[in-house]
Amino acid sequence: MSLSNAQKKYLRGLTHHIDPVVMVADKGLNENVMAEIEQALTHHELIKIRLRCEREQRKTWIAAIEKATRAELVHQIGQVACYYRRHPEKPKIALP
Protein backbone atom coordinates (compact mmCIF):
# COMPACT_ATOMS: atom_id res chain seq x y z
CA MET A 1 0.00 0.00 0.00
CA SER A 2 1.42 3.33 -1.01
CA LEU A 3 0.24 6.51 0.68
CA SER A 4 -0.32 9.71 -1.26
CA ASN A 5 1.26 12.96 -0.11
CA ALA A 6 -2.11 14.20 1.18
CA GLN A 7 -2.57 11.02 3.22
CA LYS A 8 0.95 11.29 4.67
CA LYS A 9 0.29 14.91 5.59
CA TYR A 10 -2.93 13.91 7.36
CA LEU A 11 -1.15 11.11 9.26
CA ARG A 12 1.73 13.41 10.22
CA GLY A 13 -0.83 15.67 11.88
CA LEU A 14 -2.15 12.73 13.88
CA THR A 15 1.32 11.72 15.08
CA HIS A 16 1.91 14.98 16.97
CA HIS A 17 -0.26 13.83 19.86
CA ILE A 18 0.97 10.27 20.29
CA ASP A 19 3.92 9.03 22.31
CA PRO A 20 6.47 6.45 21.15
CA VAL A 21 5.19 2.93 21.88
CA VAL A 22 8.46 1.09 21.18
CA MET A 23 12.08 2.05 21.75
CA VAL A 24 14.91 0.36 19.88
CA ALA A 25 18.26 0.82 21.62
CA ASP A 26 21.42 -1.16 22.43
CA LYS A 27 20.03 -4.63 21.68
CA GLY A 28 18.90 -3.60 18.19
CA LEU A 29 16.03 -5.06 16.20
CA ASN A 30 15.71 -8.47 17.79
CA GLU A 31 12.72 -10.82 17.67
CA ASN A 32 11.09 -9.35 20.77
CA VAL A 33 11.27 -5.79 19.50
CA MET A 34 9.86 -6.78 16.10
CA ALA A 35 7.03 -8.66 17.83
CA GLU A 36 6.21 -5.54 19.87
CA ILE A 37 6.19 -3.41 16.72
CA GLU A 38 3.89 -5.90 14.95
CA GLN A 39 1.52 -5.95 17.92
CA ALA A 40 1.49 -2.14 18.18
CA LEU A 41 0.77 -1.73 14.45
CA THR A 42 -2.09 -4.22 14.63
CA HIS A 43 -3.58 -2.52 17.66
CA HIS A 44 -3.00 1.17 16.84
CA GLU A 45 -2.37 1.32 13.05
CA LEU A 46 -0.29 4.52 13.51
CA ILE A 47 2.71 4.29 15.83
CA LYS A 48 5.82 6.18 16.84
CA ILE A 49 9.11 4.37 17.42
CA ARG A 50 12.17 5.87 19.11
CA LEU A 51 15.42 4.67 17.54
CA ARG A 52 18.38 5.31 19.87
CA CYS A 53 21.46 4.96 17.65
CA GLU A 54 23.68 6.72 15.12
CA ARG A 55 22.25 8.09 11.86
CA GLU A 56 23.47 5.31 9.54
CA GLN A 57 22.21 2.57 11.86
CA ARG A 58 18.87 4.39 12.14
CA LYS A 59 18.47 4.35 8.34
CA THR A 60 19.12 0.61 8.31
CA TRP A 61 16.62 -0.05 11.09
CA ILE A 62 13.94 2.12 9.44
CA ALA A 63 14.24 0.15 6.20
CA ALA A 64 14.25 -3.17 8.07
CA ILE A 65 11.08 -2.26 10.00
CA GLU A 66 9.32 -1.22 6.78
CA LYS A 67 10.26 -4.45 5.05
CA ALA A 68 9.47 -6.79 7.95
CA THR A 69 6.14 -5.24 8.94
CA ARG A 70 4.93 -4.08 5.50
CA ALA A 71 4.19 -0.72 7.15
CA GLU A 72 4.53 2.64 5.47
CA LEU A 73 6.95 5.20 6.90
CA VAL A 74 4.91 8.35 7.47
CA HIS A 75 7.87 10.48 8.51
CA GLN A 76 11.09 10.49 10.48
CA ILE A 77 12.44 13.34 12.57
CA GLY A 78 15.67 12.81 14.47
CA GLN A 79 15.44 9.63 16.51
CA VAL A 80 11.68 9.18 16.05
CA ALA A 81 10.03 7.37 13.14
CA CYS A 82 6.29 7.06 12.56
CA TYR A 83 4.71 4.12 10.73
CA TYR A 84 1.23 3.38 9.44
CA ARG A 85 -0.29 0.04 8.52
CA ARG A 86 -4.00 -0.25 7.91
CA HIS A 87 -5.78 -2.95 9.90
CA PRO A 88 -7.11 -5.48 7.35
CA GLU A 89 -10.46 -6.09 9.06
CA LYS A 90 -11.26 -3.13 11.33
CA PRO A 91 -9.48 0.06 10.24
CA LYS A 92 -9.51 2.77 12.93
CA ILE A 93 -8.14 5.67 10.88
CA ALA A 94 -10.11 6.91 7.89
CA LEU A 95 -7.68 8.28 5.32
CA PRO A 96 -8.71 11.22 3.11
PDB file of N, CA and C in Angstrom:
ATOM      1  N   MET A   1       0.843  -1.178   0.000  1.00  0.00           N
ATOM      2  CA  MET A   1       0.000   0.000   0.000  1.00  0.00           C
ATOM      3  C   MET A   1       0.889   1.241   0.000  1.00  0.00           C
ATOM      4  N   SER A   2       0.655   2.103  -0.919  1.00  0.00           N
ATOM      5  CA  SER A   2       1.422   3.331  -1.006  1.00  0.00           C
ATOM      6  C   SER A   2       0.522   4.511  -0.640  1.00  0.00           C
ATOM      7  N   LEU A   3       1.009   5.353   0.244  1.00  0.00           N
ATOM      8  CA  LEU A   3       0.238   6.509   0.681  1.00  0.00           C
ATOM      9  C   LEU A   3       0.527   7.708  -0.214  1.00  0.00           C
ATOM     10  N   SER A   4      -0.513   8.480  -0.493  1.00  0.00           N
ATOM     11  CA  SER A   4      -0.325   9.708  -1.264  1.00  0.00           C
ATOM     12  C   SER A   4       0.249  10.780  -0.339  1.00  0.00           C
ATOM     13  N   ASN A   5       0.706  11.868  -0.919  1.00  0.00           N
ATOM     14  CA  ASN A   5       1.259  12.959  -0.114  1.00  0.00           C
ATOM     15  C   ASN A   5       0.206  13.551   0.820  1.00  0.00           C
ATOM     16  N   ALA A   6      -1.038  13.659   0.347  1.00  0.00           N
ATOM     17  CA  ALA A   6      -2.113  14.197   1.183  1.00  0.00           C
ATOM     18  C   ALA A   6      -2.390  13.278   2.371  1.00  0.00           C
ATOM     19  N   GLN A   7      -2.351  11.977   2.141  1.00  0.00           N
ATOM     20  CA  GLN A   7      -2.572  11.018   3.225  1.00  0.00           C
ATOM     21  C   GLN A   7      -1.431  11.072   4.240  1.00  0.00           C
ATOM     22  N   LYS A   8      -0.189  11.174   3.762  1.00  0.00           N
ATOM     23  CA  LYS A   8       0.947  11.291   4.670  1.00  0.00           C
ATOM     24  C   LYS A   8       0.856  12.570   5.501  1.00  0.00           C
ATOM     25  N   LYS A   9       0.441  13.648   4.880  1.00  0.00           N
ATOM     26  CA  LYS A   9       0.294  14.913   5.590  1.00  0.00           C
ATOM     27  C   LYS A   9      -0.763  14.789   6.684  1.00  0.00           C
ATOM     28  N   TYR A  10      -1.869  14.133   6.378  1.00  0.00           N
ATOM     29  CA  TYR A  10      -2.930  13.910   7.359  1.00  0.00           C
ATOM     30  C   TYR A  10      -2.411  13.066   8.533  1.00  0.00           C
ATOM     31  N   LEU A  11      -1.686  11.989   8.221  1.00  0.00           N
ATOM     32  CA  LEU A  11      -1.154  11.110   9.262  1.00  0.00           C
ATOM     33  C   LEU A  11      -0.085  11.807  10.100  1.00  0.00           C
ATOM     34  N   ARG A  12       0.735  12.648   9.471  1.00  0.00           N
ATOM     35  CA  ARG A  12       1.732  13.414  10.218  1.00  0.00           C
ATOM     36  C   ARG A  12       1.062  14.282  11.280  1.00  0.00           C
ATOM     37  N   GLY A  13      -0.071  14.866  10.922  1.00  0.00           N
ATOM     38  CA  GLY A  13      -0.826  15.670  11.883  1.00  0.00           C
ATOM     39  C   GLY A  13      -1.313  14.842  13.060  1.00  0.00           C
ATOM     40  N   LEU A  14      -1.687  13.611  12.808  1.00  0.00           N
ATOM     41  CA  LEU A  14      -2.151  12.735  13.884  1.00  0.00           C
ATOM     42  C   LEU A  14      -1.016  12.284  14.798  1.00  0.00           C
ATOM     43  N   THR A  15       0.203  12.225  14.273  1.00  0.00           N
ATOM     44  CA  THR A  15       1.319  11.722  15.076  1.00  0.00           C
ATOM     45  C   THR A  15       1.803  12.711  16.130  1.00  0.00           C
ATOM     46  N   HIS A  16       1.436  13.980  16.011  1.00  0.00           N
ATOM     47  CA  HIS A  16       1.908  14.977  16.972  1.00  0.00           C
ATOM     48  C   HIS A  16       1.471  14.657  18.401  1.00  0.00           C
ATOM     49  N   HIS A  17       0.326  14.032  18.541  1.00  0.00           N
ATOM     50  CA  HIS A  17      -0.256  13.827  19.863  1.00  0.00           C
ATOM     51  C   HIS A  17      -0.053  12.425  20.419  1.00  0.00           C
ATOM     52  N   ILE A  18       0.734  11.604  19.749  1.00  0.00           N
ATOM     53  CA  ILE A  18       0.972  10.266  20.285  1.00  0.00           C
ATOM     54  C   ILE A  18       2.408  10.144  20.778  1.00  0.00           C
ATOM     55  N   ASP A  19       2.595   9.273  21.749  1.00  0.00           N
ATOM     56  CA  ASP A  19       3.922   9.027  22.311  1.00  0.00           C
ATOM     57  C   ASP A  19       4.523   7.784  21.672  1.00  0.00           C
ATOM     58  N   PRO A  20       5.848   7.672  21.677  1.00  0.00           N
ATOM     59  CA  PRO A  20       6.473   6.451  21.152  1.00  0.00           C
ATOM     60  C   PRO A  20       6.019   5.219  21.943  1.00  0.00           C
ATOM     61  N   VAL A  21       5.656   4.158  21.231  1.00  0.00           N
ATOM     62  CA  VAL A  21       5.192   2.934  21.881  1.00  0.00           C
ATOM     63  C   VAL A  21       6.294   1.889  21.977  1.00  0.00           C
ATOM     64  N   VAL A  22       7.340   2.033  21.173  1.00  0.00           N
ATOM     65  CA  VAL A  22       8.456   1.092  21.179  1.00  0.00           C
ATOM     66  C   VAL A  22       9.750   1.897  21.108  1.00  0.00           C
ATOM     67  N   MET A  23      10.763   1.433  21.848  1.00  0.00           N
ATOM     68  CA  MET A  23      12.078   2.053  21.753  1.00  0.00           C
ATOM     69  C   MET A  23      13.087   0.979  21.372  1.00  0.00           C
ATOM     70  N   VAL A  24      13.857   1.267  20.325  1.00  0.00           N
ATOM     71  CA  VAL A  24      14.913   0.359  19.881  1.00  0.00           C
ATOM     72  C   VAL A  24      16.226   0.994  20.309  1.00  0.00           C
ATOM     73  N   ALA A  25      17.022   0.249  21.096  1.00  0.00           N
ATOM     74  CA  ALA A  25      18.262   0.819  21.624  1.00  0.00           C
ATOM     75  C   ALA A  25      19.419  -0.147  21.432  1.00  0.00           C
ATOM     76  N   ASP A  26      20.164  -0.401  22.482  1.00  0.00           N
ATOM     77  CA  ASP A  26      21.415  -1.164  22.430  1.00  0.00           C
ATOM     78  C   ASP A  26      21.274  -2.557  21.832  1.00  0.00           C
ATOM     79  N   LYS A  27      20.203  -3.241  22.137  1.00  0.00           N
ATOM     80  CA  LYS A  27      20.030  -4.629  21.684  1.00  0.00           C
ATOM     81  C   LYS A  27      19.659  -4.717  20.203  1.00  0.00           C
ATOM     82  N   GLY A  28      19.232  -3.614  19.616  1.00  0.00           N
ATOM     83  CA  GLY A  28      18.904  -3.605  18.188  1.00  0.00           C
ATOM     84  C   GLY A  28      17.527  -4.179  17.896  1.00  0.00           C
ATOM     85  N   LEU A  29      17.314  -4.514  16.642  1.00  0.00           N
ATOM     86  CA  LEU A  29      16.030  -5.059  16.200  1.00  0.00           C
ATOM     87  C   LEU A  29      16.034  -6.578  16.370  1.00  0.00           C
ATOM     88  N   ASN A  30      15.780  -7.035  17.568  1.00  0.00           N
ATOM     89  CA  ASN A  30      15.712  -8.470  17.788  1.00  0.00           C
ATOM     90  C   ASN A  30      14.276  -8.955  17.645  1.00  0.00           C
ATOM     91  N   GLU A  31      14.051 -10.237  17.841  1.00  0.00           N
ATOM     92  CA  GLU A  31      12.715 -10.823  17.666  1.00  0.00           C
ATOM     93  C   GLU A  31      11.682 -10.178  18.566  1.00  0.00           C
ATOM     94  N   ASN A  32      12.047  -9.923  19.818  1.00  0.00           N
ATOM     95  CA  ASN A  32      11.093  -9.355  20.772  1.00  0.00           C
ATOM     96  C   ASN A  32      10.660  -7.952  20.369  1.00  0.00           C
ATOM     97  N   VAL A  33      11.592  -7.155  19.922  1.00  0.00           N
ATOM     98  CA  VAL A  33      11.273  -5.788  19.502  1.00  0.00           C
ATOM     99  C   VAL A  33      10.374  -5.818  18.263  1.00  0.00           C
ATOM    100  N   MET A  34      10.698  -6.673  17.309  1.00  0.00           N
ATOM    101  CA  MET A  34       9.864  -6.779  16.102  1.00  0.00           C
ATOM    102  C   MET A  34       8.461  -7.270  16.445  1.00  0.00           C
ATOM    103  N   ALA A  35       8.349  -8.179  17.405  1.00  0.00           N
ATOM    104  CA  ALA A  35       7.027  -8.660  17.833  1.00  0.00           C
ATOM    105  C   ALA A  35       6.223  -7.527  18.469  1.00  0.00           C
ATOM    106  N   GLU A  36       6.877  -6.687  19.259  1.00  0.00           N
ATOM    107  CA  GLU A  36       6.206  -5.539  19.869  1.00  0.00           C
ATOM    108  C   GLU A  36       5.735  -4.550  18.807  1.00  0.00           C
ATOM    109  N   ILE A  37       6.566  -4.320  17.794  1.00  0.00           N
ATOM    110  CA  ILE A  37       6.189  -3.405  16.715  1.00  0.00           C
ATOM    111  C   ILE A  37       4.990  -3.962  15.952  1.00  0.00           C
ATOM    112  N   GLU A  38       5.017  -5.250  15.642  1.00  0.00           N
ATOM    113  CA  GLU A  38       3.886  -5.902  14.951  1.00  0.00           C
ATOM    114  C   GLU A  38       2.602  -5.749  15.762  1.00  0.00           C
ATOM    115  N   GLN A  39       2.688  -6.031  17.046  1.00  0.00           N
ATOM    116  CA  GLN A  39       1.516  -5.947  17.917  1.00  0.00           C
ATOM    117  C   GLN A  39       0.991  -4.513  17.985  1.00  0.00           C
ATOM    118  N   ALA A  40       1.889  -3.545  18.107  1.00  0.00           N
ATOM    119  CA  ALA A  40       1.489  -2.140  18.179  1.00  0.00           C
ATOM    120  C   ALA A  40       0.825  -1.689  16.881  1.00  0.00           C
ATOM    121  N   LEU A  41       1.373  -2.103  15.736  1.00  0.00           N
ATOM    122  CA  LEU A  41       0.767  -1.729  14.454  1.00  0.00           C
ATOM    123  C   LEU A  41      -0.620  -2.340  14.301  1.00  0.00           C
ATOM    124  N   THR A  42      -0.781  -3.563  14.732  1.00  0.00           N
ATOM    125  CA  THR A  42      -2.086  -4.224  14.634  1.00  0.00           C
ATOM    126  C   THR A  42      -3.098  -3.524  15.531  1.00  0.00           C
ATOM    127  N   HIS A  43      -2.663  -3.133  16.700  1.00  0.00           N
ATOM    128  CA  HIS A  43      -3.582  -2.521  17.658  1.00  0.00           C
ATOM    129  C   HIS A  43      -3.868  -1.053  17.349  1.00  0.00           C
ATOM    130  N   HIS A  44      -2.848  -0.277  16.993  1.00  0.00           N
ATOM    131  CA  HIS A  44      -3.004   1.171  16.838  1.00  0.00           C
ATOM    132  C   HIS A  44      -3.058   1.663  15.394  1.00  0.00           C
ATOM    133  N   GLU A  45      -2.517   0.936  14.456  1.00  0.00           N
ATOM    134  CA  GLU A  45      -2.370   1.322  13.046  1.00  0.00           C
ATOM    135  C   GLU A  45      -1.304   2.390  12.822  1.00  0.00           C
ATOM    136  N   LEU A  46      -1.261   3.424  13.643  1.00  0.00           N
ATOM    137  CA  LEU A  46      -0.295   4.516  13.511  1.00  0.00           C
ATOM    138  C   LEU A  46       0.537   4.550  14.785  1.00  0.00           C
ATOM    139  N   ILE A  47       1.849   4.352  14.648  1.00  0.00           N
ATOM    140  CA  ILE A  47       2.712   4.290  15.833  1.00  0.00           C
ATOM    141  C   ILE A  47       3.953   5.137  15.654  1.00  0.00           C
ATOM    142  N   LYS A  48       4.541   5.489  16.795  1.00  0.00           N
ATOM    143  CA  LYS A  48       5.823   6.179  16.842  1.00  0.00           C
ATOM    144  C   LYS A  48       6.830   5.235  17.462  1.00  0.00           C
ATOM    145  N   ILE A  49       8.036   5.203  16.902  1.00  0.00           N
ATOM    146  CA  ILE A  49       9.108   4.368  17.422  1.00  0.00           C
ATOM    147  C   ILE A  49      10.327   5.256  17.652  1.00  0.00           C
ATOM    148  N   ARG A  50      10.933   5.126  18.820  1.00  0.00           N
ATOM    149  CA  ARG A  50      12.166   5.866  19.114  1.00  0.00           C
ATOM    150  C   ARG A  50      13.344   4.948  18.809  1.00  0.00           C
ATOM    151  N   LEU A  51      14.245   5.427  17.963  1.00  0.00           N
ATOM    152  CA  LEU A  51      15.422   4.669  17.542  1.00  0.00           C
ATOM    153  C   LEU A  51      16.664   5.330  18.121  1.00  0.00           C
ATOM    154  N   ARG A  52      17.240   4.729  19.162  1.00  0.00           N
ATOM    155  CA  ARG A  52      18.378   5.308  19.869  1.00  0.00           C
ATOM    156  C   ARG A  52      19.677   4.748  19.316  1.00  0.00           C
ATOM    157  N   CYS A  53      20.215   5.406  18.266  1.00  0.00           N
ATOM    158  CA  CYS A  53      21.461   4.962  17.651  1.00  0.00           C
ATOM    159  C   CYS A  53      21.993   6.065  16.737  1.00  0.00           C
ATOM    160  N   GLU A  54      23.084   5.779  16.073  1.00  0.00           N
ATOM    161  CA  GLU A  54      23.677   6.720  15.119  1.00  0.00           C
ATOM    162  C   GLU A  54      22.847   6.781  13.836  1.00  0.00           C
ATOM    163  N   ARG A  55      23.058   7.813  13.057  1.00  0.00           N
ATOM    164  CA  ARG A  55      22.254   8.086  11.864  1.00  0.00           C
ATOM    165  C   ARG A  55      22.250   6.935  10.855  1.00  0.00           C
ATOM    166  N   GLU A  56      23.402   6.383  10.540  1.00  0.00           N
ATOM    167  CA  GLU A  56      23.471   5.306   9.541  1.00  0.00           C
ATOM    168  C   GLU A  56      22.748   4.047  10.021  1.00  0.00           C
ATOM    169  N   GLN A  57      22.909   3.728  11.295  1.00  0.00           N
ATOM    170  CA  GLN A  57      22.209   2.568  11.865  1.00  0.00           C
ATOM    171  C   GLN A  57      20.703   2.805  11.859  1.00  0.00           C
ATOM    172  N   ARG A  58      20.297   4.033  12.133  1.00  0.00           N
ATOM    173  CA  ARG A  58      18.874   4.386  12.137  1.00  0.00           C
ATOM    174  C   ARG A  58      18.257   4.164  10.760  1.00  0.00           C
ATOM    175  N   LYS A  59      18.959   4.568   9.708  1.00  0.00           N
ATOM    176  CA  LYS A  59      18.465   4.352   8.336  1.00  0.00           C
ATOM    177  C   LYS A  59      18.263   2.868   8.051  1.00  0.00           C
ATOM    178  N   THR A  60      19.211   2.062   8.500  1.00  0.00           N
ATOM    179  CA  THR A  60      19.125   0.607   8.307  1.00  0.00           C
ATOM    180  C   THR A  60      17.922   0.037   9.041  1.00  0.00           C
ATOM    181  N   TRP A  61      17.741   0.457  10.297  1.00  0.00           N
ATOM    182  CA  TRP A  61      16.615  -0.048  11.093  1.00  0.00           C
ATOM    183  C   TRP A  61      15.283   0.388  10.512  1.00  0.00           C
ATOM    184  N   ILE A  62      15.192   1.623  10.027  1.00  0.00           N
ATOM    185  CA  ILE A  62      13.943   2.120   9.442  1.00  0.00           C
ATOM    186  C   ILE A  62      13.554   1.272   8.233  1.00  0.00           C
ATOM    187  N   ALA A  63      14.508   0.986   7.375  1.00  0.00           N
ATOM    188  CA  ALA A  63      14.238   0.149   6.199  1.00  0.00           C
ATOM    189  C   ALA A  63      13.862  -1.276   6.605  1.00  0.00           C
ATOM    190  N   ALA A  64      14.531  -1.806   7.620  1.00  0.00           N
ATOM    191  CA  ALA A  64      14.245  -3.168   8.075  1.00  0.00           C
ATOM    192  C   ALA A  64      12.847  -3.274   8.668  1.00  0.00           C
ATOM    193  N   ILE A  65      12.432  -2.261   9.411  1.00  0.00           N
ATOM    194  CA  ILE A  65      11.082  -2.263  10.000  1.00  0.00           C
ATOM    195  C   ILE A  65      10.038  -2.192   8.895  1.00  0.00           C
ATOM    196  N   GLU A  66      10.263  -1.325   7.908  1.00  0.00           N
ATOM    197  CA  GLU A  66       9.323  -1.218   6.784  1.00  0.00           C
ATOM    198  C   GLU A  66       9.159  -2.549   6.069  1.00  0.00           C
ATOM    199  N   LYS A  67      10.282  -3.192   5.798  1.00  0.00           N
ATOM    200  CA  LYS A  67      10.256  -4.447   5.055  1.00  0.00           C
ATOM    201  C   LYS A  67       9.608  -5.575   5.863  1.00  0.00           C
ATOM    202  N   ALA A  68       9.964  -5.690   7.127  1.00  0.00           N
ATOM    203  CA  ALA A  68       9.470  -6.787   7.955  1.00  0.00           C
ATOM    204  C   ALA A  68       7.992  -6.654   8.304  1.00  0.00           C
ATOM    205  N   THR A  69       7.526  -5.435   8.498  1.00  0.00           N
ATOM    206  CA  THR A  69       6.137  -5.241   8.938  1.00  0.00           C
ATOM    207  C   THR A  69       5.188  -4.863   7.809  1.00  0.00           C
ATOM    208  N   ARG A  70       5.730  -4.557   6.629  1.00  0.00           N
ATOM    209  CA  ARG A  70       4.928  -4.079   5.505  1.00  0.00           C
ATOM    210  C   ARG A  70       4.160  -2.802   5.883  1.00  0.00           C
ATOM    211  N   ALA A  71       4.780  -1.992   6.739  1.00  0.00           N
ATOM    212  CA  ALA A  71       4.187  -0.725   7.152  1.00  0.00           C
ATOM    213  C   ALA A  71       4.801   0.408   6.331  1.00  0.00           C
ATOM    214  N   GLU A  72       4.080   1.476   6.239  1.00  0.00           N
ATOM    215  CA  GLU A  72       4.526   2.641   5.472  1.00  0.00           C
ATOM    216  C   GLU A  72       5.139   3.665   6.429  1.00  0.00           C
ATOM    217  N   LEU A  73       6.333   4.141   6.111  1.00  0.00           N
ATOM    218  CA  LEU A  73       6.954   5.198   6.899  1.00  0.00           C
ATOM    219  C   LEU A  73       6.219   6.497   6.608  1.00  0.00           C
ATOM    220  N   VAL A  74       5.632   7.082   7.633  1.00  0.00           N
ATOM    221  CA  VAL A  74       4.911   8.347   7.474  1.00  0.00           C
ATOM    222  C   VAL A  74       5.911   9.492   7.467  1.00  0.00           C
ATOM    223  N   HIS A  75       6.772   9.515   8.477  1.00  0.00           N
ATOM    224  CA  HIS A  75       7.868  10.482   8.508  1.00  0.00           C
ATOM    225  C   HIS A  75       8.853  10.107   9.596  1.00  0.00           C
ATOM    226  N   GLN A  76      10.027  10.745   9.519  1.00  0.00           N
ATOM    227  CA  GLN A  76      11.088  10.489  10.476  1.00  0.00           C
ATOM    228  C   GLN A  76      11.741  11.813  10.813  1.00  0.00           C
ATOM    229  N   ILE A  77      11.792  12.109  12.104  1.00  0.00           N
ATOM    230  CA  ILE A  77      12.445  13.336  12.569  1.00  0.00           C
ATOM    231  C   ILE A  77      13.396  12.932  13.672  1.00  0.00           C
ATOM    232  N   GLY A  78      14.675  13.155  13.460  1.00  0.00           N
ATOM    233  CA  GLY A  78      15.670  12.811  14.471  1.00  0.00           C
ATOM    234  C   GLY A  78      15.638  11.332  14.794  1.00  0.00           C
ATOM    235  N   GLN A  79      15.432  11.028  16.062  1.00  0.00           N
ATOM    236  CA  GLN A  79      15.436   9.634  16.506  1.00  0.00           C
ATOM    237  C   GLN A  79      14.044   9.028  16.582  1.00  0.00           C
ATOM    238  N   VAL A  80      13.055   9.674  15.999  1.00  0.00           N
ATOM    239  CA  VAL A  80      11.680   9.179  16.047  1.00  0.00           C
ATOM    240  C   VAL A  80      11.178   8.923  14.629  1.00  0.00           C
ATOM    241  N   ALA A  81      10.624   7.726  14.436  1.00  0.00           N
ATOM    242  CA  ALA A  81      10.031   7.369  13.145  1.00  0.00           C
ATOM    243  C   ALA A  81       8.578   6.976  13.374  1.00  0.00           C
ATOM    244  N   CYS A  82       7.707   7.368  12.451  1.00  0.00           N
ATOM    245  CA  CYS A  82       6.286   7.057  12.561  1.00  0.00           C
ATOM    246  C   CYS A  82       5.884   6.158  11.396  1.00  0.00           C
ATOM    247  N   TYR A  83       5.130   5.112  11.720  1.00  0.00           N
ATOM    248  CA  TYR A  83       4.713   4.118  10.730  1.00  0.00           C
ATOM    249  C   TYR A  83       3.202   3.968  10.742  1.00  0.00           C
ATOM    250  N   TYR A  84       2.667   3.640   9.581  1.00  0.00           N
ATOM    251  CA  TYR A  84       1.232   3.375   9.441  1.00  0.00           C
ATOM    252  C   TYR A  84       1.035   2.069   8.691  1.00  0.00           C
ATOM    253  N   ARG A  85       0.146   1.242   9.221  1.00  0.00           N
ATOM    254  CA  ARG A  85      -0.291   0.037   8.516  1.00  0.00           C
ATOM    255  C   ARG A  85      -1.766  -0.152   8.812  1.00  0.00           C
ATOM    256  N   ARG A  86      -2.557  -0.124   7.773  1.00  0.00           N
ATOM    257  CA  ARG A  86      -4.003  -0.252   7.912  1.00  0.00           C
ATOM    258  C   ARG A  86      -4.362  -1.638   8.433  1.00  0.00           C
ATOM    259  N   HIS A  87      -5.291  -1.678   9.379  1.00  0.00           N
ATOM    260  CA  HIS A  87      -5.780  -2.951   9.899  1.00  0.00           C
ATOM    261  C   HIS A  87      -6.643  -3.594   8.812  1.00  0.00           C
ATOM    262  N   PRO A  88      -6.399  -4.873   8.470  1.00  0.00           N
ATOM    263  CA  PRO A  88      -7.106  -5.483   7.349  1.00  0.00           C
ATOM    264  C   PRO A  88      -8.607  -5.656   7.565  1.00  0.00           C
ATOM    265  N   GLU A  89      -9.032  -5.831   8.814  1.00  0.00           N
ATOM    266  CA  GLU A  89     -10.462  -6.089   9.061  1.00  0.00           C
ATOM    267  C   GLU A  89     -11.213  -4.890   9.664  1.00  0.00           C
ATOM    268  N   LYS A  90     -10.588  -4.227  10.632  1.00  0.00           N
ATOM    269  CA  LYS A  90     -11.258  -3.132  11.334  1.00  0.00           C
ATOM    270  C   LYS A  90     -10.374  -1.883  11.343  1.00  0.00           C
ATOM    271  N   PRO A  91     -10.320  -1.146  10.249  1.00  0.00           N
ATOM    272  CA  PRO A  91      -9.484   0.061  10.237  1.00  0.00           C
ATOM    273  C   PRO A  91     -10.025   1.116  11.210  1.00  0.00           C
ATOM    274  N   LYS A  92      -9.125   1.744  11.963  1.00  0.00           N
ATOM    275  CA  LYS A  92      -9.506   2.774  12.932  1.00  0.00           C
ATOM    276  C   LYS A  92      -9.371   4.175  12.362  1.00  0.00           C
ATOM    277  N   ILE A  93      -8.421   4.352  11.444  1.00  0.00           N
ATOM    278  CA  ILE A  93      -8.141   5.670  10.882  1.00  0.00           C
ATOM    279  C   ILE A  93      -8.682   5.731   9.457  1.00  0.00           C
ATOM    280  N   ALA A  94      -9.561   6.698   9.231  1.00  0.00           N
ATOM    281  CA  ALA A  94     -10.113   6.910   7.891  1.00  0.00           C
ATOM    282  C   ALA A  94      -9.207   7.898   7.149  1.00  0.00           C
ATOM    283  N   LEU A  95      -8.570   7.412   6.100  1.00  0.00           N
ATOM    284  CA  LEU A  95      -7.682   8.278   5.318  1.00  0.00           C
ATOM    285  C   LEU A  95      -8.473   9.119   4.329  1.00  0.00           C
ATOM    286  N   PRO A  96      -8.014  10.357   4.107  1.00  0.00           N
ATOM    287  CA  PRO A  96      -8.713  11.216   3.113  1.00  0.00           C
ATOM    288  C   PRO A  96      -8.475  10.723   1.695  1.00  0.00           C
TER     289      PRO A  96
END
